[in-house]
PDB file of N, CA and C in Angstrom:
ATOM      1  N   MET A   1      -0.951  -5.345  -1.613  1.00  0.00           N
ATOM      2  CA  MET A   1      -1.768  -4.343  -2.262  1.00  0.00           C
ATOM      3  C   MET A   1      -3.192  -4.491  -1.763  1.00  0.00           C
ATOM      4  N   LEU A   2      -3.726  -3.409  -1.269  1.00  0.00           N
ATOM      5  CA  LEU A   2      -5.117  -3.361  -0.831  1.00  0.00           C
ATOM      6  C   LEU A   2      -5.841  -2.348  -1.693  1.00  0.00           C
ATOM      7  N   ARG A   3      -7.143  -2.554  -1.838  1.00  0.00           N
ATOM      8  CA  ARG A   3      -7.921  -1.580  -2.584  1.00  0.00           C
ATOM      9  C   ARG A   3      -9.306  -1.435  -1.979  1.00  0.00           C
ATOM     10  N   ARG A   4      -9.908  -0.291  -2.282  1.00  0.00           N
ATOM     11  CA  ARG A   4     -11.261  -0.001  -1.795  1.00  0.00           C
ATOM     12  C   ARG A   4     -12.034   0.636  -2.933  1.00  0.00           C
ATOM     13  N   ILE A   5     -13.130  -0.011  -3.306  1.00  0.00           N
ATOM     14  CA  ILE A   5     -13.967   0.490  -4.392  1.00  0.00           C
ATOM     15  C   ILE A   5     -15.390   0.629  -3.880  1.00  0.00           C
ATOM     16  N   ASP A   6     -15.948   1.820  -4.028  1.00  0.00           N
ATOM     17  CA  ASP A   6     -17.331   2.100  -3.652  1.00  0.00           C
ATOM     18  C   ASP A   6     -17.914   2.979  -4.759  1.00  0.00           C
ATOM     19  N   THR A   7     -18.628   2.341  -5.686  1.00  0.00           N
ATOM     20  CA  THR A   7     -19.147   3.072  -6.846  1.00  0.00           C
ATOM     21  C   THR A   7     -20.170   4.140  -6.464  1.00  0.00           C
ATOM     22  N   SER A   8     -20.891   3.936  -5.374  1.00  0.00           N
ATOM     23  CA  SER A   8     -21.887   4.928  -4.964  1.00  0.00           C
ATOM     24  C   SER A   8     -21.232   6.240  -4.522  1.00  0.00           C
ATOM     25  N   ARG A   9     -19.968   6.175  -4.073  1.00  0.00           N
ATOM     26  CA  ARG A   9     -19.229   7.366  -3.643  1.00  0.00           C
ATOM     27  C   ARG A   9     -18.144   7.758  -4.644  1.00  0.00           C
ATOM     28  N   ASN A  10     -18.131   7.098  -5.827  1.00  0.00           N
ATOM     29  CA  ASN A  10     -17.101   7.338  -6.845  1.00  0.00           C
ATOM     30  C   ASN A  10     -15.708   7.147  -6.251  1.00  0.00           C
ATOM     31  N   MET A  11     -15.553   6.109  -5.435  1.00  0.00           N
ATOM     32  CA  MET A  11     -14.295   5.844  -4.753  1.00  0.00           C
ATOM     33  C   MET A  11     -13.627   4.621  -5.380  1.00  0.00           C
ATOM     34  N   SER A  12     -12.393   4.784  -5.764  1.00  0.00           N
ATOM     35  CA  SER A  12     -11.614   3.710  -6.366  1.00  0.00           C
ATOM     36  C   SER A  12     -10.162   3.921  -5.949  1.00  0.00           C
ATOM     37  N   ARG A  13      -9.778   3.386  -4.800  1.00  0.00           N
ATOM     38  CA  ARG A  13      -8.476   3.677  -4.200  1.00  0.00           C
ATOM     39  C   ARG A  13      -7.624   2.424  -4.047  1.00  0.00           C
ATOM     40  N   PHE A  14      -6.313   2.627  -3.998  1.00  0.00           N
ATOM     41  CA  PHE A  14      -5.382   1.542  -3.689  1.00  0.00           C
ATOM     42  C   PHE A  14      -4.446   1.989  -2.585  1.00  0.00           C
ATOM     43  N   TRP A  15      -3.846   1.022  -1.936  1.00  0.00           N
ATOM     44  CA  TRP A  15      -2.850   1.273  -0.904  1.00  0.00           C
ATOM     45  C   TRP A  15      -1.877   0.105  -0.935  1.00  0.00           C
ATOM     46  N   SER A  16      -0.601   0.380  -0.910  1.00  0.00           N
ATOM     47  CA  SER A  16       0.403  -0.680  -0.852  1.00  0.00           C
ATOM     48  C   SER A  16       1.566  -0.220   0.009  1.00  0.00           C
ATOM     49  N   ALA A  17       2.324  -1.185   0.483  1.00  0.00           N
ATOM     50  CA  ALA A  17       3.498  -0.887   1.307  1.00  0.00           C
ATOM     51  C   ALA A  17       4.536  -1.978   1.082  1.00  0.00           C
ATOM     52  N   ARG A  18       5.789  -1.598   1.254  1.00  0.00           N
ATOM     53  CA  ARG A  18       6.878  -2.562   1.132  1.00  0.00           C
ATOM     54  C   ARG A  18       7.990  -2.170   2.095  1.00  0.00           C
ATOM     55  N   LEU A  19       8.753  -3.165   2.511  1.00  0.00           N
ATOM     56  CA  LEU A  19       9.924  -2.936   3.344  1.00  0.00           C
ATOM     57  C   LEU A  19      11.156  -3.077   2.469  1.00  0.00           C
ATOM     58  N   GLN A  20      12.128  -2.196   2.676  1.00  0.00           N
ATOM     59  CA  GLN A  20      13.369  -2.313   1.936  1.00  0.00           C
ATOM     60  C   GLN A  20      14.512  -1.788   2.789  1.00  0.00           C
ATOM     61  N   PRO A  21      15.713  -2.318   2.593  1.00  0.00           N
ATOM     62  CA  PRO A  21      16.858  -1.858   3.374  1.00  0.00           C
ATOM     63  C   PRO A  21      17.330  -0.489   2.898  1.00  0.00           C
ATOM     64  N   SER A  22      17.900   0.268   3.803  1.00  0.00           N
ATOM     65  CA  SER A  22      18.488   1.548   3.428  1.00  0.00           C
ATOM     66  C   SER A  22      20.003   1.383   3.346  1.00  0.00           C
ATOM     67  N   LEU A  23      20.676   2.423   2.931  1.00  0.00           N
ATOM     68  CA  LEU A  23      22.135   2.381   2.833  1.00  0.00           C
ATOM     69  C   LEU A  23      22.811   2.467   4.195  1.00  0.00           C
ATOM     70  N   PHE A  24      22.072   2.831   5.211  1.00  0.00           N
ATOM     71  CA  PHE A  24      22.639   3.073   6.532  1.00  0.00           C
ATOM     72  C   PHE A  24      22.223   2.032   7.552  1.00  0.00           C
ATOM     73  N   GLU A  25      21.992   0.800   7.098  1.00  0.00           N
ATOM     74  CA  GLU A  25      21.618  -0.333   7.947  1.00  0.00           C
ATOM     75  C   GLU A  25      20.325  -0.095   8.716  1.00  0.00           C
ATOM     76  N   GLU A  26      19.434   0.643   8.118  1.00  0.00           N
ATOM     77  CA  GLU A  26      18.107   0.841   8.672  1.00  0.00           C
ATOM     78  C   GLU A  26      17.104   0.209   7.721  1.00  0.00           C
ATOM     79  N   VAL A  27      15.839   0.239   8.103  1.00  0.00           N
ATOM     80  CA  VAL A  27      14.787  -0.343   7.270  1.00  0.00           C
ATOM     81  C   VAL A  27      13.800   0.751   6.898  1.00  0.00           C
ATOM     82  N   LEU A  28      13.418   0.775   5.634  1.00  0.00           N
ATOM     83  CA  LEU A  28      12.433   1.735   5.153  1.00  0.00           C
ATOM     84  C   LEU A  28      11.093   1.035   4.969  1.00  0.00           C
ATOM     85  N   LEU A  29      10.048   1.674   5.431  1.00  0.00           N
ATOM     86  CA  LEU A  29       8.678   1.271   5.120  1.00  0.00           C
ATOM     87  C   LEU A  29       8.192   2.275   4.095  1.00  0.00           C
ATOM     88  N   VAL A  30       7.991   1.822   2.858  1.00  0.00           N
ATOM     89  CA  VAL A  30       7.582   2.702   1.774  1.00  0.00           C
ATOM     90  C   VAL A  30       6.106   2.457   1.493  1.00  0.00           C
ATOM     91  N   ARG A  31       5.287   3.492   1.665  1.00  0.00           N
ATOM     92  CA  ARG A  31       3.844   3.397   1.432  1.00  0.00           C
ATOM     93  C   ARG A  31       3.488   4.124   0.151  1.00  0.00           C
ATOM     94  N   ASN A  32       2.533   3.569  -0.596  1.00  0.00           N
ATOM     95  CA  ASN A  32       2.062   4.160  -1.838  1.00  0.00           C
ATOM     96  C   ASN A  32       0.542   4.079  -1.822  1.00  0.00           C
ATOM     97  N   TRP A  33      -0.128   5.186  -2.157  1.00  0.00           N
ATOM     98  CA  TRP A  33      -1.584   5.195  -2.146  1.00  0.00           C
ATOM     99  C   TRP A  33      -2.107   6.197  -3.162  1.00  0.00           C
ATOM    100  N   GLY A  34      -3.365   6.004  -3.544  1.00  0.00           N
ATOM    101  CA  GLY A  34      -3.986   6.945  -4.462  1.00  0.00           C
ATOM    102  C   GLY A  34      -5.179   6.335  -5.162  1.00  0.00           C
ATOM    103  N   ARG A  35      -5.597   6.985  -6.223  1.00  0.00           N
ATOM    104  CA  ARG A  35      -6.730   6.516  -7.019  1.00  0.00           C
ATOM    105  C   ARG A  35      -6.235   5.440  -7.973  1.00  0.00           C
ATOM    106  N   ILE A  36      -7.005   4.359  -8.112  1.00  0.00           N
ATOM    107  CA  ILE A  36      -6.641   3.282  -9.024  1.00  0.00           C
ATOM    108  C   ILE A  36      -6.512   3.853 -10.429  1.00  0.00           C
ATOM    109  N   GLY A  37      -5.416   3.516 -11.090  1.00  0.00           N
ATOM    110  CA  GLY A  37      -5.129   4.024 -12.421  1.00  0.00           C
ATOM    111  C   GLY A  37      -4.140   5.171 -12.426  1.00  0.00           C
ATOM    112  N   SER A  38      -3.829   5.710 -11.237  1.00  0.00           N
ATOM    113  CA  SER A  38      -2.851   6.790 -11.136  1.00  0.00           C
ATOM    114  C   SER A  38      -1.590   6.271 -10.453  1.00  0.00           C
ATOM    115  N   ARG A  39      -0.536   7.062 -10.495  1.00  0.00           N
ATOM    116  CA  ARG A  39       0.703   6.687  -9.796  1.00  0.00           C
ATOM    117  C   ARG A  39       0.535   6.833  -8.291  1.00  0.00           C
ATOM    118  N   GLY A  40      -0.311   7.729  -7.879  1.00  0.00           N
ATOM    119  CA  GLY A  40      -0.549   7.949  -6.457  1.00  0.00           C
ATOM    120  C   GLY A  40       0.575   8.729  -5.802  1.00  0.00           C
ATOM    121  N   GLN A  41       0.565   8.673  -4.499  1.00  0.00           N
ATOM    122  CA  GLN A  41       1.577   9.352  -3.693  1.00  0.00           C
ATOM    123  C   GLN A  41       2.431   8.305  -2.999  1.00  0.00           C
ATOM    124  N   GLU A  42       3.619   8.713  -2.579  1.00  0.00           N
ATOM    125  CA  GLU A  42       4.520   7.778  -1.896  1.00  0.00           C
ATOM    126  C   GLU A  42       5.171   8.492  -0.727  1.00  0.00           C
ATOM    127  N   ARG A  43       5.342   7.743   0.350  1.00  0.00           N
ATOM    128  CA  ARG A  43       6.000   8.283   1.537  1.00  0.00           C
ATOM    129  C   ARG A  43       6.824   7.182   2.180  1.00  0.00           C
ATOM    130  N   SER A  44       8.015   7.537   2.672  1.00  0.00           N
ATOM    131  CA  SER A  44       8.912   6.570   3.301  1.00  0.00           C
ATOM    132  C   SER A  44       9.088   6.901   4.774  1.00  0.00           C
ATOM    133  N   TYR A  45       9.166   5.853   5.578  1.00  0.00           N
ATOM    134  CA  TYR A  45       9.393   5.982   7.016  1.00  0.00           C
ATOM    135  C   TYR A  45      10.628   5.172   7.369  1.00  0.00           C
ATOM    136  N   TRP A  46      11.521   5.730   8.168  1.00  0.00           N
ATOM    137  CA  TRP A  46      12.765   5.070   8.554  1.00  0.00           C
ATOM    138  C   TRP A  46      12.600   4.398   9.915  1.00  0.00           C
ATOM    139  N   PHE A  47      13.100   3.161  10.025  1.00  0.00           N
ATOM    140  CA  PHE A  47      13.082   2.425  11.289  1.00  0.00           C
ATOM    141  C   PHE A  47      14.471   1.849  11.545  1.00  0.00           C
ATOM    142  N   SER A  48      14.842   1.770  12.809  1.00  0.00           N
ATOM    143  CA  SER A  48      16.170   1.256  13.144  1.00  0.00           C
ATOM    144  C   SER A  48      16.233  -0.269  13.072  1.00  0.00           C
ATOM    145  N   THR A  49      15.080  -0.938  13.246  1.00  0.00           N
ATOM    146  CA  THR A  49      15.065  -2.405  13.177  1.00  0.00           C
ATOM    147  C   THR A  49      13.956  -2.888  12.258  1.00  0.00           C
ATOM    148  N   ARG A  50      14.153  -4.087  11.725  1.00  0.00           N
ATOM    149  CA  ARG A  50      13.137  -4.685  10.861  1.00  0.00           C
ATOM    150  C   ARG A  50      11.861  -4.977  11.657  1.00  0.00           C
ATOM    151  N   GLN A  51      12.017  -5.373  12.914  1.00  0.00           N
ATOM    152  CA  GLN A  51      10.855  -5.679  13.745  1.00  0.00           C
ATOM    153  C   GLN A  51       9.986  -4.440  13.961  1.00  0.00           C
ATOM    154  N   ALA A  52      10.591  -3.289  14.162  1.00  0.00           N
ATOM    155  CA  ALA A  52       9.828  -2.050  14.337  1.00  0.00           C
ATOM    156  C   ALA A  52       9.070  -1.702  13.051  1.00  0.00           C
ATOM    157  N   ALA A  53       9.721  -1.901  11.903  1.00  0.00           N
ATOM    158  CA  ALA A  53       9.070  -1.628  10.623  1.00  0.00           C
ATOM    159  C   ALA A  53       7.907  -2.582  10.383  1.00  0.00           C
ATOM    160  N   LEU A  54       8.088  -3.863  10.702  1.00  0.00           N
ATOM    161  CA  LEU A  54       7.010  -4.843  10.553  1.00  0.00           C
ATOM    162  C   LEU A  54       5.828  -4.517  11.449  1.00  0.00           C
ATOM    163  N   SER A  55       6.117  -4.084  12.655  1.00  0.00           N
ATOM    164  CA  SER A  55       5.059  -3.717  13.591  1.00  0.00           C
ATOM    165  C   SER A  55       4.237  -2.546  13.042  1.00  0.00           C
ATOM    166  N   ALA A  56       4.905  -1.539  12.510  1.00  0.00           N
ATOM    167  CA  ALA A  56       4.202  -0.393  11.927  1.00  0.00           C
ATOM    168  C   ALA A  56       3.402  -0.826  10.707  1.00  0.00           C
ATOM    169  N   PHE A  57       3.981  -1.680   9.874  1.00  0.00           N
ATOM    170  CA  PHE A  57       3.293  -2.186   8.687  1.00  0.00           C
ATOM    171  C   PHE A  57       2.002  -2.903   9.081  1.00  0.00           C
ATOM    172  N   GLU A  58       2.074  -3.779  10.069  1.00  0.00           N
ATOM    173  CA  GLU A  58       0.893  -4.525  10.509  1.00  0.00           C
ATOM    174  C   GLU A  58      -0.171  -3.609  11.083  1.00  0.00           C
ATOM    175  N   LYS A  59       0.243  -2.626  11.856  1.00  0.00           N
ATOM    176  CA  LYS A  59      -0.705  -1.685  12.464  1.00  0.00           C
ATOM    177  C   LYS A  59      -1.455  -0.900  11.390  1.00  0.00           C
ATOM    178  N   ILE A  60      -0.739  -0.418  10.380  1.00  0.00           N
ATOM    179  CA  ILE A  60      -1.361   0.350   9.306  1.00  0.00           C
ATOM    180  C   ILE A  60      -2.287  -0.534   8.483  1.00  0.00           C
ATOM    181  N   THR A  61      -1.849  -1.774   8.202  1.00  0.00           N
ATOM    182  CA  THR A  61      -2.663  -2.699   7.407  1.00  0.00           C
ATOM    183  C   THR A  61      -3.979  -3.019   8.109  1.00  0.00           C
ATOM    184  N   VAL A  62      -3.941  -3.241   9.404  1.00  0.00           N
ATOM    185  CA  VAL A  62      -5.162  -3.512  10.170  1.00  0.00           C
ATOM    186  C   VAL A  62      -6.111  -2.319  10.090  1.00  0.00           C
ATOM    187  N   ALA A  63      -5.570  -1.115  10.210  1.00  0.00           N
ATOM    188  CA  ALA A  63      -6.406   0.088  10.136  1.00  0.00           C
ATOM    189  C   ALA A  63      -7.051   0.233   8.757  1.00  0.00           C
ATOM    190  N   LYS A  64      -6.297  -0.050   7.702  1.00  0.00           N
ATOM    191  CA  LYS A  64      -6.850   0.033   6.342  1.00  0.00           C
ATOM    192  C   LYS A  64      -7.958  -0.994   6.142  1.00  0.00           C
ATOM    193  N   ARG A  65      -7.770  -2.202   6.633  1.00  0.00           N
ATOM    194  CA  ARG A  65      -8.799  -3.239   6.493  1.00  0.00           C
ATOM    195  C   ARG A  65     -10.064  -2.853   7.247  1.00  0.00           C
ATOM    196  N   ARG A  66      -9.925  -2.210   8.397  1.00  0.00           N
ATOM    197  CA  ARG A  66     -11.095  -1.744   9.148  1.00  0.00           C
ATOM    198  C   ARG A  66     -11.876  -0.701   8.362  1.00  0.00           C
ATOM    199  N   ARG A  67     -11.180   0.062   7.526  1.00  0.00           N
ATOM    200  CA  ARG A  67     -11.827   1.112   6.735  1.00  0.00           C
ATOM    201  C   ARG A  67     -12.398   0.595   5.422  1.00  0.00           C
ATOM    202  N   GLY A  68     -12.307  -0.726   5.193  1.00  0.00           N
ATOM    203  CA  GLY A  68     -12.946  -1.294   4.020  1.00  0.00           C
ATOM    204  C   GLY A  68     -12.012  -1.710   2.899  1.00  0.00           C
ATOM    205  N   TYR A  69     -10.716  -1.576   3.076  1.00  0.00           N
ATOM    206  CA  TYR A  69      -9.774  -2.015   2.054  1.00  0.00           C
ATOM    207  C   TYR A  69      -9.672  -3.538   2.086  1.00  0.00           C
ATOM    208  N   THR A  70      -9.594  -4.152   0.906  1.00  0.00           N
ATOM    209  CA  THR A  70      -9.476  -5.601   0.798  1.00  0.00           C
ATOM    210  C   THR A  70      -8.296  -5.951  -0.099  1.00  0.00           C
ATOM    211  N   ALA A  71      -7.782  -7.164   0.083  1.00  0.00           N
ATOM    212  CA  ALA A  71      -6.670  -7.632  -0.749  1.00  0.00           C
ATOM    213  C   ALA A  71      -7.194  -7.983  -2.128  1.00  0.00           C
ATOM    214  N   GLU A  72      -6.359  -7.795  -3.115  1.00  0.00           N
ATOM    215  CA  GLU A  72      -6.752  -8.150  -4.475  1.00  0.00           C
ATOM    216  C   GLU A  72      -5.937  -9.341  -4.946  1.00  0.00           C
ATOM    217  N   SER A  73      -6.412  -9.988  -5.968  1.00  0.00           N
ATOM    218  CA  SER A  73      -5.707 -11.151  -6.498  1.00  0.00           C
ATOM    219  C   SER A  73      -4.428 -10.700  -7.200  1.00  0.00           C
ATOM    220  N   SER A  74      -3.453 -11.598  -7.346  1.00  0.00           N
ATOM    221  CA  SER A  74      -2.187 -11.253  -7.984  1.00  0.00           C
ATOM    222  C   SER A  74      -2.390 -10.890  -9.449  1.00  0.00           C
ATOM    223  N   GLN A  75      -3.379 -11.498 -10.113  1.00  0.00           N
ATOM    224  CA  GLN A  75      -3.655 -11.175 -11.513  1.00  0.00           C
ATOM    225  C   GLN A  75      -4.137  -9.733 -11.636  1.00  0.00           C
ATOM    226  N   GLU A  76      -5.022  -9.303 -10.730  1.00  0.00           N
ATOM    227  CA  GLU A  76      -5.500  -7.924 -10.751  1.00  0.00           C
ATOM    228  C   GLU A  76      -4.382  -6.957 -10.423  1.00  0.00           C
ATOM    229  N   ALA A  77      -3.476  -7.340  -9.518  1.00  0.00           N
ATOM    230  CA  ALA A  77      -2.359  -6.474  -9.162  1.00  0.00           C
ATOM    231  C   ALA A  77      -1.469  -6.224 -10.369  1.00  0.00           C
ATOM    232  N   GLY A  78      -1.239  -7.251 -11.164  1.00  0.00           N
ATOM    233  CA  GLY A  78      -0.442  -7.091 -12.383  1.00  0.00           C
ATOM    234  C   GLY A  78      -1.108  -6.174 -13.380  1.00  0.00           C
ATOM    235  N   ARG A  79      -2.421  -6.312 -13.544  1.00  0.00           N
ATOM    236  CA  ARG A  79      -3.152  -5.448 -14.461  1.00  0.00           C
ATOM    237  C   ARG A  79      -3.161  -4.013 -13.972  1.00  0.00           C
ATOM    238  N   LEU A  80      -3.258  -3.824 -12.643  1.00  0.00           N
ATOM    239  CA  LEU A  80      -3.231  -2.485 -12.067  1.00  0.00           C
ATOM    240  C   LEU A  80      -1.870  -1.838 -12.324  1.00  0.00           C
ATOM    241  N   ALA A  81      -0.797  -2.599 -12.114  1.00  0.00           N
ATOM    242  CA  ALA A  81       0.546  -2.063 -12.312  1.00  0.00           C
ATOM    243  C   ALA A  81       0.777  -1.658 -13.764  1.00  0.00           C
ATOM    244  N   CYS A  82       0.144  -2.346 -14.688  1.00  0.00           N
ATOM    245  CA  CYS A  82       0.284  -2.040 -16.119  1.00  0.00           C
ATOM    246  C   CYS A  82      -0.679  -0.953 -16.569  1.00  0.00           C
ATOM    247  N   GLY A  83      -1.540  -0.480 -15.683  1.00  0.00           N
ATOM    248  CA  GLY A  83      -2.487   0.572 -16.026  1.00  0.00           C
ATOM    249  C   GLY A  83      -3.707   0.069 -16.793  1.00  0.00           C
ATOM    250  N   GLN A  84      -3.981  -1.221 -16.726  1.00  0.00           N
ATOM    251  CA  GLN A  84      -5.115  -1.784 -17.457  1.00  0.00           C
ATOM    252  C   GLN A  84      -6.418  -1.712 -16.683  1.00  0.00           C
ATOM    253  N   ILE A  85      -6.355  -1.378 -15.411  1.00  0.00           N
ATOM    254  CA  ILE A  85      -7.557  -1.197 -14.593  1.00  0.00           C
ATOM    255  C   ILE A  85      -7.665   0.278 -14.275  1.00  0.00           C
ATOM    256  N   SER A  86      -8.809   0.846 -14.495  1.00  0.00           N
ATOM    257  CA  SER A  86      -8.979   2.261 -14.161  1.00  0.00           C
ATOM    258  C   SER A  86     -10.183   2.466 -13.290  1.00  0.00           C
TER     259      SER A  86
END
């Protein structure tokens, strides 16, 4: 889970991704993003191999970090998932 907060621009965003197997022996990269406190949007990408999915995951994560997204602590992630952070 990555997040970007810039109070001067009223920006409070999150971004997360996970890998999961599909029913057809492929790998899904599931991305979720939006404003902190909301469900956000979700999009899935299909890959034929786990290595291809990991490569895409790493590429996207590097790009997000360049744009100012930072990792959050596990305690904050739990509070975010419960809707306690807005």
